[in-house]
Protein backbone atom coordinates (compact mmCIF):
# COMPACT_ATOMS: atom_id res chain seq x y z
CA MET A 1 123.43 87.32 216.47
CA THR A 2 125.34 90.52 217.00
CA ASP A 3 124.69 93.97 215.58
CA THR A 4 127.51 93.78 213.03
CA GLN A 5 126.31 90.57 211.52
CA LEU A 6 123.72 90.65 208.81
CA PRO A 7 121.19 87.92 208.59
CA PRO A 8 122.15 85.38 205.83
CA VAL A 9 120.58 85.78 202.50
CA ARG A 10 118.52 82.74 201.59
CA PRO A 11 119.24 81.20 198.18
CA LYS A 12 115.71 81.88 196.92
CA GLN A 13 116.14 85.59 197.52
CA ARG A 14 119.42 85.56 195.72
CA MET A 15 117.74 83.88 192.74
CA HIS A 16 115.00 86.53 192.61
CA LEU A 17 117.55 89.26 192.68
CA ARG A 18 119.51 87.75 189.78
CA TYR A 19 116.30 87.42 187.65
CA THR A 20 115.27 90.95 188.47
CA LEU A 21 118.66 92.33 187.55
CA ALA A 22 118.67 90.29 184.30
CA ALA A 23 115.17 91.61 183.36
CA VAL A 24 116.17 95.20 184.03
CA ALA A 25 119.25 94.76 181.85
CA CYS A 26 117.26 93.13 179.08
CA LEU A 27 114.64 95.97 179.23
CA ALA A 28 117.41 98.60 179.10
CA ILE A 29 118.95 96.87 176.08
CA VAL A 30 115.61 96.63 174.18
CA ALA A 31 114.77 100.32 174.97
CA TRP A 32 118.26 101.37 173.63
CA MET A 33 117.80 99.30 170.49
CA PHE A 34 114.43 100.81 169.71
CA THR A 35 115.80 104.27 170.26
CA GLU A 36 118.74 103.69 167.85
CA LEU A 37 116.54 102.01 165.20
CA ARG A 38 113.98 104.80 165.23
CA GLY A 39 116.68 107.20 164.27
CA ALA A 40 117.90 104.95 161.34
CA VAL A 41 114.54 104.35 159.75
CA VAL A 42 114.08 105.92 156.32
CA TYR A 43 110.45 106.10 155.30
CA LEU A 44 109.14 105.79 151.76
CA ARG A 45 106.40 108.37 150.87
CA PRO A 46 104.51 108.86 147.72
CA VAL A 47 104.82 112.37 146.14
CA SER A 48 101.29 113.34 147.09
CA TYR A 49 101.89 112.54 150.77
CA ALA A 50 105.37 114.26 150.82
CA VAL A 51 104.04 117.38 149.29
CA SER A 52 101.01 117.67 151.46
CA HIS A 53 103.11 117.01 154.58
CA ARG A 54 106.14 118.99 153.67
CA SER A 55 106.15 121.26 156.73
CA ALA A 56 105.78 118.18 159.06
CA GLN A 57 108.69 116.44 157.42
CA GLY A 58 111.09 119.35 158.02
CA THR A 59 114.61 118.45 157.11
CA ARG A 60 114.33 114.72 158.01
CA THR A 61 115.56 112.29 155.42
CA PHE A 62 113.05 110.05 153.73
CA ARG A 63 112.43 108.39 150.41
CA MET A 64 109.84 109.71 147.91
CA GLY A 65 108.41 107.64 145.13
CA GLY A 66 106.90 108.83 141.85
CA THR A 67 107.32 109.15 138.12
CA VAL A 68 109.60 111.55 136.36
CA VAL A 69 107.62 114.30 134.60
CA PRO A 70 108.31 114.25 130.88
CA GLY A 71 110.58 117.19 129.64
CA THR A 72 111.73 118.30 133.11
CA ILE A 73 115.08 116.62 133.24
CA ALA A 74 117.97 119.11 133.29
CA LYS A 75 121.26 117.16 133.68
CA SER A 76 124.23 118.83 135.25
CA SER A 77 127.80 117.87 135.98
CA ASP A 78 127.03 116.69 139.41
CA GLY A 79 123.50 115.27 138.92
CA ALA A 80 120.17 116.49 137.61
CA ARG A 81 117.17 118.64 138.38
CA PHE A 82 113.74 117.27 137.51
CA GLU A 83 110.15 116.93 138.67
CA VAL A 84 108.34 113.80 139.98
CA MET A 85 104.67 113.31 140.10
CA GLU A 86 102.26 110.94 141.71
CA GLY A 87 98.50 111.18 142.77
CA GLY A 88 98.20 114.54 141.02
CA ALA A 89 101.00 116.10 142.93
CA LYS A 90 104.36 117.29 141.63
CA ALA A 91 107.62 117.98 143.37
CA GLN A 92 110.85 119.61 142.19
CA VAL A 93 113.95 117.42 142.86
CA ASP A 94 117.51 118.60 142.91
CA TYR A 95 119.68 115.38 142.72
CA SER A 96 123.36 115.30 143.17
CA GLY A 97 125.02 111.98 142.26
CA GLY A 98 126.07 109.88 139.36
CA PRO A 99 123.90 109.34 136.33
CA ARG A 100 121.70 106.21 136.21
CA ASP A 101 121.27 104.17 133.03
CA LEU A 102 117.51 103.76 133.18
CA PHE A 103 116.88 107.41 134.25
CA ARG A 104 114.68 109.14 131.65
CA ASP A 105 111.26 110.75 131.30
CA CYS A 106 108.41 108.66 132.74
CA ALA A 107 110.77 106.43 134.70
CA PRO A 108 109.38 105.32 138.09
CA VAL A 109 111.90 106.56 140.69
CA VAL A 110 112.51 106.72 144.33
CA VAL A 111 114.67 109.68 145.54
CA GLU A 112 116.19 109.78 149.04
CA GLY A 113 116.80 113.10 150.56
CA HIS A 114 115.02 115.91 152.44
CA TRP A 115 113.05 119.18 151.83
CA ALA A 116 115.05 122.33 151.39
CA GLY A 117 112.15 124.76 151.14
CA ASN A 118 109.92 123.79 148.19
CA VAL A 119 112.68 121.63 146.54
CA PHE A 120 113.38 118.05 147.49
CA THR A 121 117.20 117.73 147.74
CA ALA A 122 118.20 114.16 146.88
CA SER A 123 121.53 112.33 147.40
CA ARG A 124 120.28 109.05 146.15
CA LEU A 125 118.28 108.05 143.06
CA LEU A 126 116.81 104.59 142.61
CA ILE A 127 115.04 103.38 139.49
CA ARG A 128 112.15 101.09 140.34
CA HIS A 129 111.78 97.94 138.32
CA GLY A 130 111.26 94.25 138.76
CA SER A 131 113.28 91.40 137.18
CA ALA A 132 111.38 91.90 133.90
CA TYR A 133 111.52 95.74 133.54
CA ASP A 134 108.54 97.17 131.56
CA ALA A 135 108.22 100.91 132.04
CA SER A 136 104.93 101.09 130.11
CA LYS A 137 103.22 99.09 132.86
CA ARG A 138 104.48 101.41 135.53
CA ALA A 139 104.09 104.86 133.86
CA ASP A 140 101.06 106.88 134.81
CA ALA A 141 98.47 108.16 132.32
CA ASN A 142 100.22 111.53 131.71
CA CYS A 143 103.37 109.65 130.62
CA ARG A 144 101.58 107.24 128.40
CA ALA A 145 99.74 110.03 126.71
CA SER A 146 102.82 112.16 126.14
CA THR A 147 104.93 109.28 124.71
CA SER A 148 102.12 108.01 122.28
C-alpha cells in the first residue's frame, strides 16, 4: 500500500456511519419540532391563577377562563369591556372583536390575549358550553344569587 491510498472502508463501518448520521438527523428534527411547538402553545389559566401570576406571564399570549361578572359588560363598536371572575379573583378584560350570541352576564367564557398592565387585552372570546348548553349549571354562586 502506498502513502496516497487509504485503507478500504469495511461495509460494517459504512453501515454504522449511516445509522449514526440518521440518528443525528432525527434528533435534530425532533429538537427543532419541540422548539417550534413550545412557541405555539397557548395555555388555559383560570382567572385566579392568571391574576396571581400576572407579572410572570408578562405579555405572553394565553387563555383565561372564568365567568362574566354581572353588570360589568360595556359594549363598544369594536368589542366590549367587562370583568371575569373565578376562585374569588377578578380581572378586567378589554375585548376587541365581533359580538357573540351567548355573551352575557354570568356566561362562562374563555378569553385569549395577554396582560397590558392590570387589564387583560383579548383578541378572542369563546363561550364555554357543551352540546346541551345550560348556563345555570356553570354559573358560580355570585351569578346565581344575582339572577334569582
